Amino acid sequence: MYRRGFAPNLVLIGIGLAIVVGVFAISSITRVNTPQSPVSDSEVNTPDIVLDGTSTPPNDDVGAPSQTAPSLPSKPLPPASAPETPSGEEPSSSGGNSGATSESPAATPTPTPEPVSPAVAYDPGFKASSRVTPEIPSENERATLPSCEGKIFPLDPVEFSKVVSIAPTGIFGAASNPPSFAAFDFGTSGEYDIYNIVAPADVYITTIVQETGITADPEDTTVYFALCKDVFGYVTNIKEMSAAVQDLVTDSYRFGKPHTGENACKIEILELVGQGSLFGTAGQYAGKMGFGVIDLRKNRNLANPSAYPIKTNFAACPLEYLTHSAGFYDKLSSENNLCKKM
């Protein structure tokens, strides 16, 4: 009987142990599957590393629209060196295996533009006691000349009716140089077609330049004169000098010598002559004369000014300085930046 009773007891003990083990197992499974406390969107999507405005998203959000809330850094960030990720996209990653963010290339720094200096006006470099160019007196000489306030030429340098047309195309040097004076065309061409050229005001002759071989005529002389301390005029292509001008050249002991070029003999005078005084005659075969004005108050600010003479850098339309300027403007056959038609 003892052995029969033992077997049922063992069975009951085994069943009890099985029940205890089952209950423990069920409890463990229930605890593992119990939901944790809710986590906010900002905690889920907070970047792991912040570098130059880019971030690494959690691996399970790759390809999903960005929902990252702005995070406040502990100190101000330097300016971003790479473009920000467009809204609705996440920076690409390697699937989370590398554990590093994908950095954007650094932007090329924008160079700071250098300050631009204002344009510097051409400085002719006038000297106190010597001339830098024969036609313009030194500063000491200019100080003795009258003021230019309201000064113009009350008399035409040549009889108005003798001029057929005017072209503001006279140049010094190369044909590509800027125009410096106006060419008065008489519309004639003959040995005896001559026209008197006179002083258009009480002026001071500053220099006389004799040249040969530049036109069909044997001689071409240019007379420069000062109207006042800042305005100077000149007439070109004089075929025969008046006796008074001839005397000025002869008295300079340079008569018959070249007066142009770097090593030329230069006549530098400051001789007052009255309005209407005869300079000489023009015309003949060339049939033209030149008339120009240098106004030191009007710097043309030409490009590369040192390539041109002072009389080109400060050239002004000579018609502006004539009493009968309106009539001369009507005879302009062309216009340019020196003289414009009215």
Protein backbone atom coordinates (compact mmCIF):
# COMPACT_ATOMS: atom_id res chain seq x y z
CA MET A 1 0.00 0.00 0.00
CA TYR A 2 2.83 2.38 0.72
CA ARG A 3 4.18 2.28 -2.82
CA ARG A 4 0.75 2.84 -4.36
CA GLY A 5 0.19 5.96 -2.26
CA PHE A 6 3.61 7.41 -3.10
CA ALA A 7 2.98 7.61 -6.80
CA PRO A 8 -0.07 9.92 -6.59
CA ASN A 9 1.85 12.25 -4.30
CA LEU A 10 4.71 12.51 -6.72
CA VAL A 11 2.30 13.32 -9.47
CA LEU A 12 0.72 16.09 -7.44
CA ILE A 13 4.15 17.56 -6.60
CA GLY A 14 5.12 17.57 -10.28
CA ILE A 15 1.90 19.25 -11.27
CA GLY A 16 2.46 21.95 -8.64
CA LEU A 17 5.97 22.66 -9.85
CA ALA A 18 4.75 22.88 -13.41
CA ILE A 19 2.10 25.40 -12.39
CA VAL A 20 4.70 27.55 -10.54
CA VAL A 21 7.06 27.52 -13.51
CA GLY A 22 4.21 28.41 -15.88
CA VAL A 23 3.11 31.33 -13.75
CA PHE A 24 6.69 32.69 -13.61
CA ALA A 25 7.09 32.40 -17.33
CA ILE A 26 3.80 34.17 -18.03
CA SER A 27 4.79 37.03 -15.68
CA SER A 28 8.12 37.53 -17.43
CA ILE A 29 6.53 37.62 -20.85
CA THR A 30 3.94 40.15 -19.67
CA ARG A 31 6.61 42.45 -18.21
CA VAL A 32 8.66 42.42 -21.41
CA ASN A 33 5.68 43.36 -23.60
CA THR A 34 4.31 46.09 -21.35
CA PRO A 35 4.45 49.58 -23.30
CA GLN A 36 7.00 52.10 -21.98
CA SER A 37 6.26 55.73 -21.23
CA PRO A 38 5.56 57.83 -24.38
CA VAL A 39 8.58 59.63 -25.87
CA SER A 40 8.16 63.06 -27.54
CA ASP A 41 8.95 63.72 -31.22
CA SER A 42 11.77 65.98 -30.25
CA GLU A 43 13.42 63.25 -28.20
CA VAL A 44 13.15 60.75 -31.01
CA ASN A 45 14.57 63.06 -33.64
CA THR A 46 17.20 64.95 -31.65
CA PRO A 47 20.45 64.79 -33.66
CA ASP A 48 23.26 62.75 -32.30
CA ILE A 49 25.98 65.17 -33.52
CA VAL A 50 25.70 68.77 -34.73
CA LEU A 51 28.43 69.86 -37.19
CA ASP A 52 28.14 73.09 -39.24
CA GLY A 53 24.41 72.96 -39.35
CA THR A 54 24.10 69.30 -40.50
CA SER A 55 22.95 66.35 -38.42
CA THR A 56 22.68 62.54 -38.41
CA PRO A 57 19.08 61.35 -38.12
CA PRO A 58 18.09 58.15 -36.34
CA ASN A 59 18.46 55.16 -38.65
CA ASP A 60 14.79 54.27 -38.56
CA ASP A 61 13.90 57.76 -39.92
CA VAL A 62 16.06 57.71 -43.05
CA GLY A 63 13.96 58.85 -45.98
CA ALA A 64 11.15 60.22 -43.82
CA PRO A 65 10.22 63.92 -43.82
CA SER A 66 12.22 65.92 -41.36
CA GLN A 67 10.44 66.75 -38.14
CA THR A 68 13.43 67.94 -36.18
CA ALA A 69 12.66 70.77 -33.81
CA PRO A 70 15.23 73.58 -33.64
CA SER A 71 17.81 72.85 -31.00
CA LEU A 72 19.52 75.65 -29.11
CA PRO A 73 23.30 75.20 -29.02
CA SER A 74 25.15 75.98 -25.86
CA LYS A 75 27.21 78.64 -27.71
CA PRO A 76 26.71 80.55 -30.96
CA LEU A 77 27.53 78.51 -34.02
CA PRO A 78 29.89 79.78 -36.67
CA PRO A 79 28.35 80.63 -40.04
CA ALA A 80 27.32 77.50 -41.87
CA SER A 81 29.96 76.36 -44.33
CA ALA A 82 27.58 74.15 -46.29
CA PRO A 83 24.06 74.59 -47.66
CA GLU A 84 21.24 73.61 -45.34
CA THR A 85 19.23 70.51 -46.16
CA PRO A 86 16.08 71.48 -48.08
CA SER A 87 12.85 71.17 -46.15
CA GLY A 88 11.29 67.72 -46.47
CA GLU A 89 14.66 65.95 -46.92
CA GLU A 90 17.14 64.41 -44.53
CA PRO A 91 20.89 64.32 -44.97
CA SER A 92 21.90 61.01 -46.46
CA SER A 93 23.57 58.41 -44.23
CA SER A 94 25.23 55.04 -44.71
CA GLY A 95 22.40 53.14 -43.00
CA GLY A 96 23.73 53.73 -39.49
CA ASN A 97 26.61 51.29 -39.77
CA SER A 98 29.42 53.84 -39.83
CA GLY A 99 28.22 55.84 -36.87
CA ALA A 100 29.44 59.18 -38.46
CA THR A 101 27.56 62.03 -40.03
CA SER A 102 27.96 62.89 -43.73
CA GLU A 103 29.65 66.30 -43.83
CA SER A 104 28.94 68.74 -46.67
CA PRO A 105 31.93 70.28 -48.51
CA ALA A 106 33.11 73.57 -47.01
CA ALA A 107 31.90 76.63 -48.93
CA THR A 108 34.53 78.76 -50.68
CA PRO A 109 34.97 82.01 -48.69
CA THR A 110 33.65 85.08 -50.46
CA PRO A 111 36.56 87.51 -50.94
CA THR A 112 36.12 90.95 -49.48
CA PRO A 113 36.28 93.51 -52.30
CA GLU A 114 39.15 95.94 -52.05
CA PRO A 115 38.21 99.60 -51.60
CA VAL A 116 38.14 101.47 -54.89
CA SER A 117 40.06 104.71 -54.87
CA PRO A 118 38.36 107.70 -56.47
CA ALA A 119 39.60 108.71 -59.88
CA VAL A 120 42.64 110.93 -59.66
CA ALA A 121 42.60 113.95 -61.99
CA TYR A 122 45.51 114.33 -64.37
CA ASP A 123 48.25 116.51 -62.90
CA PRO A 124 50.33 118.31 -65.55
CA GLY A 125 53.06 118.98 -62.99
CA PHE A 126 53.40 122.71 -63.49
CA LYS A 127 56.47 124.30 -61.96
CA ALA A 128 56.95 127.66 -60.30
CA SER A 129 59.83 129.05 -62.32
CA SER A 130 60.04 126.91 -65.46
CA ARG A 131 57.62 125.67 -68.11
CA VAL A 132 56.79 122.00 -68.50
CA THR A 133 55.53 122.74 -72.02
CA PRO A 134 56.41 125.86 -74.05
CA GLU A 135 52.84 127.01 -74.73
CA ILE A 136 51.83 127.28 -71.06
CA PRO A 137 53.70 129.72 -68.80
CA SER A 138 55.17 128.73 -65.46
CA GLU A 139 53.14 129.27 -62.31
CA ASN A 140 55.04 132.46 -61.57
CA GLU A 141 54.30 133.77 -65.06
CA ARG A 142 50.64 132.77 -64.87
CA ALA A 143 50.32 134.71 -61.63
CA THR A 144 50.96 137.92 -63.61
CA LEU A 145 48.12 137.22 -66.08
CA PRO A 146 44.57 138.55 -65.63
CA SER A 147 41.75 136.58 -64.08
CA CYS A 148 39.62 134.42 -66.40
CA GLU A 149 36.31 135.52 -64.88
CA GLY A 150 33.95 136.23 -67.79
CA LYS A 151 36.76 136.13 -70.35
CA ILE A 152 36.04 135.16 -73.97
CA PHE A 153 37.37 136.22 -77.36
CA PRO A 154 35.49 139.33 -78.52
CA LEU A 155 36.95 139.10 -82.02
CA ASP A 156 36.96 136.13 -84.40
CA PRO A 157 40.46 134.91 -85.29
CA VAL A 158 39.45 134.85 -88.97
CA GLU A 159 36.65 136.57 -90.85
CA PHE A 160 33.48 134.59 -90.18
CA SER A 161 32.21 134.74 -93.75
CA LYS A 162 35.39 133.14 -95.09
CA VAL A 163 34.81 129.89 -93.19
CA VAL A 164 32.77 127.34 -95.15
CA SER A 165 32.72 124.49 -92.62
CA ILE A 166 34.27 123.45 -89.32
CA ALA A 167 35.34 119.96 -88.19
CA PRO A 168 36.47 119.42 -84.57
CA THR A 169 38.96 116.81 -85.68
CA GLY A 170 42.40 118.42 -85.23
CA ILE A 171 44.83 116.16 -83.38
CA PHE A 172 48.39 116.14 -82.09
CA GLY A 173 50.41 112.99 -82.70
CA ALA A 174 48.88 109.70 -83.79
CA ALA A 175 45.65 109.63 -85.77
CA SER A 176 44.02 107.62 -82.97
CA ASN A 177 44.63 110.37 -80.38
CA PRO A 178 41.67 112.37 -79.02
CA PRO A 179 40.76 115.52 -80.98
CA SER A 180 42.25 118.73 -79.62
CA PHE A 181 41.20 121.58 -81.91
CA ALA A 182 38.85 122.59 -84.73
CA ALA A 183 39.78 122.77 -88.41
CA PHE A 184 38.34 125.79 -90.22
CA ASP A 185 37.89 125.01 -93.90
CA PHE A 186 37.92 127.94 -96.34
CA GLY A 187 36.74 125.83 -99.27
CA THR A 188 39.58 127.09 -101.48
CA SER A 189 42.95 125.75 -102.58
CA GLY A 190 45.32 128.10 -104.37
CA GLU A 191 48.56 129.92 -103.92
CA TYR A 192 46.84 133.28 -103.67
CA ASP A 193 43.85 132.15 -101.58
CA ILE A 194 44.99 133.71 -98.32
CA TYR A 195 43.12 134.87 -95.22
CA ASN A 196 44.26 137.12 -92.39
CA ILE A 197 44.57 135.52 -88.95
CA VAL A 198 44.42 137.98 -86.05
CA ALA A 199 44.60 138.09 -82.26
CA PRO A 200 41.00 137.53 -81.04
CA ALA A 201 41.60 139.66 -77.91
CA ASP A 202 44.37 141.40 -76.03
CA VAL A 203 46.52 138.33 -75.56
CA TYR A 204 50.04 137.33 -74.53
CA ILE A 205 51.96 135.29 -77.09
CA THR A 206 53.61 132.42 -75.21
CA THR A 207 55.38 130.49 -77.95
CA ILE A 208 55.71 130.24 -81.73
CA VAL A 209 56.28 126.92 -83.48
CA GLN A 210 57.58 126.81 -87.05
CA GLU A 211 57.15 123.62 -89.05
CA THR A 212 57.72 122.56 -92.63
CA GLY A 213 56.57 119.67 -94.76
CA ILE A 214 53.30 118.92 -92.98
CA THR A 215 51.02 120.31 -95.73
CA ALA A 216 51.26 121.12 -99.43
CA ASP A 217 52.61 124.54 -98.47
CA PRO A 218 56.25 125.20 -97.60
CA GLU A 219 55.58 126.62 -94.13
CA ASP A 220 53.14 126.03 -91.29
CA THR A 221 53.48 128.10 -88.13
CA THR A 222 51.47 127.84 -84.92
CA VAL A 223 51.08 130.81 -82.58
CA TYR A 224 50.06 130.12 -78.95
CA PHE A 225 48.71 132.89 -76.73
CA ALA A 226 47.24 133.43 -73.26
CA LEU A 227 43.85 135.06 -72.81
CA CYS A 228 44.15 134.85 -69.01
CA LYS A 229 45.90 132.73 -66.40
CA ASP A 230 43.90 129.55 -67.18
CA VAL A 231 42.75 129.92 -70.81
CA PHE A 232 45.08 129.71 -73.78
CA GLY A 233 44.37 129.76 -77.49
CA TYR A 234 46.30 128.91 -80.61
CA VAL A 235 46.02 129.16 -84.40
CA THR A 236 47.75 126.67 -86.69
CA ASN A 237 48.79 126.47 -90.34
CA ILE A 238 49.89 130.09 -90.71
CA LYS A 239 51.61 130.18 -94.07
CA GLU A 240 53.36 133.48 -93.63
CA MET A 241 54.03 135.23 -90.31
CA SER A 242 53.34 138.93 -89.88
CA ALA A 243 56.30 141.26 -89.45
CA ALA A 244 55.61 141.58 -85.71
CA VAL A 245 55.55 137.82 -85.16
CA GLN A 246 58.59 137.43 -87.39
CA ASP A 247 60.46 139.85 -85.15
CA LEU A 248 59.58 137.82 -82.06
CA VAL A 249 61.04 134.73 -83.66
CA THR A 250 64.14 136.56 -84.89
CA ASP A 251 64.76 138.20 -81.54
CA SER A 252 64.72 134.74 -79.90
CA TYR A 253 67.86 133.84 -81.89
CA ARG A 254 66.12 130.64 -82.98
CA PHE A 255 64.83 131.71 -86.37
CA GLY A 256 64.96 128.97 -88.99
CA LYS A 257 65.55 126.21 -86.42
CA PRO A 258 63.04 123.44 -85.65
CA HIS A 259 60.70 124.22 -82.77
CA THR A 260 59.09 120.80 -82.36
CA GLY A 261 60.31 117.49 -81.01
CA GLU A 262 61.99 116.48 -77.78
CA ASN A 263 65.29 118.23 -78.50
CA ALA A 264 63.95 121.18 -80.47
CA CYS A 265 64.80 124.81 -79.89
CA LYS A 266 61.80 126.30 -78.14
CA ILE A 267 60.65 129.89 -78.17
CA GLU A 268 59.27 130.80 -74.73
CA ILE A 269 58.01 134.37 -74.45
CA LEU A 270 55.19 136.29 -72.79
CA GLU A 271 54.56 139.15 -75.20
CA LEU A 272 51.39 141.25 -75.03
CA VAL A 273 49.74 142.05 -78.37
CA GLY A 274 46.56 144.02 -78.88
CA GLN A 275 43.22 142.73 -80.11
CA GLY A 276 43.15 142.50 -83.90
CA SER A 277 46.95 142.35 -84.25
CA LEU A 278 47.92 140.35 -87.33
CA PHE A 279 49.48 136.94 -86.68
CA GLY A 280 49.89 136.09 -90.34
CA THR A 281 47.96 134.57 -93.25
CA ALA A 282 46.46 131.10 -93.77
CA GLY A 283 44.82 129.21 -96.62
CA GLN A 284 46.85 128.71 -99.79
CA TYR A 285 46.96 125.11 -101.02
CA ALA A 286 45.95 123.52 -97.72
CA GLY A 287 42.87 125.75 -97.62
CA LYS A 288 42.46 125.34 -93.85
CA MET A 289 43.59 126.65 -90.50
CA GLY A 290 43.32 125.23 -87.00
CA PHE A 291 41.90 126.99 -83.94
CA GLY A 292 42.14 125.52 -80.46
CA VAL A 293 41.65 126.41 -76.79
CA ILE A 294 43.37 125.01 -73.70
CA ASP A 295 41.38 125.58 -70.52
CA LEU A 296 43.19 124.45 -67.37
CA ARG A 297 39.89 124.59 -65.48
CA LYS A 298 38.50 121.76 -67.63
CA ASN A 299 40.37 118.49 -67.20
CA ARG A 300 39.00 115.97 -69.72
CA ASN A 301 40.10 113.03 -67.50
CA LEU A 302 41.19 111.03 -70.51
CA ALA A 303 42.19 107.41 -70.13
CA ASN A 304 45.99 107.14 -69.94
CA PRO A 305 46.41 110.95 -69.86
CA SER A 306 50.21 110.79 -69.71
CA ALA A 307 50.16 109.52 -73.30
CA TYR A 308 48.91 112.90 -74.55
CA PRO A 309 50.20 116.47 -74.33
CA ILE A 310 48.74 118.93 -71.85
CA LYS A 311 46.95 120.75 -74.66
CA THR A 312 45.00 117.56 -75.40
CA ASN A 313 44.18 116.75 -71.77
CA PHE A 314 42.76 120.25 -71.26
CA ALA A 315 41.37 120.86 -74.75
CA ALA A 316 38.00 122.65 -74.88
CA CYS A 317 35.71 123.38 -77.79
CA PRO A 318 37.12 126.69 -79.13
CA LEU A 319 33.72 127.78 -80.42
CA GLU A 320 32.52 128.23 -76.84
CA TYR A 321 34.97 131.09 -76.38
CA LEU A 322 33.95 133.13 -79.43
CA THR A 323 31.48 136.02 -79.27
CA HIS A 324 29.79 134.78 -82.44
CA SER A 325 29.87 131.15 -81.32
CA ALA A 326 26.29 130.41 -82.45
CA GLY A 327 27.18 131.18 -86.05
CA PHE A 328 30.29 129.02 -85.94
CA TYR A 329 28.34 126.12 -84.41
CA ASP A 330 26.03 126.28 -87.43
CA LYS A 331 29.05 125.55 -89.62
CA LEU A 332 30.00 122.35 -87.79
CA SER A 333 30.11 119.55 -90.35
CA SER A 334 30.49 116.90 -87.65
CA GLU A 335 30.55 116.56 -83.88
CA ASN A 336 32.42 114.55 -81.28
CA ASN A 337 33.33 114.70 -77.62
CA LEU A 338 35.25 117.93 -78.21
CA CYS A 339 32.48 119.92 -79.89
CA LYS A 340 28.76 119.15 -80.02
CA LYS A 341 26.27 120.75 -82.37
CA MET A 342 23.90 123.16 -80.67
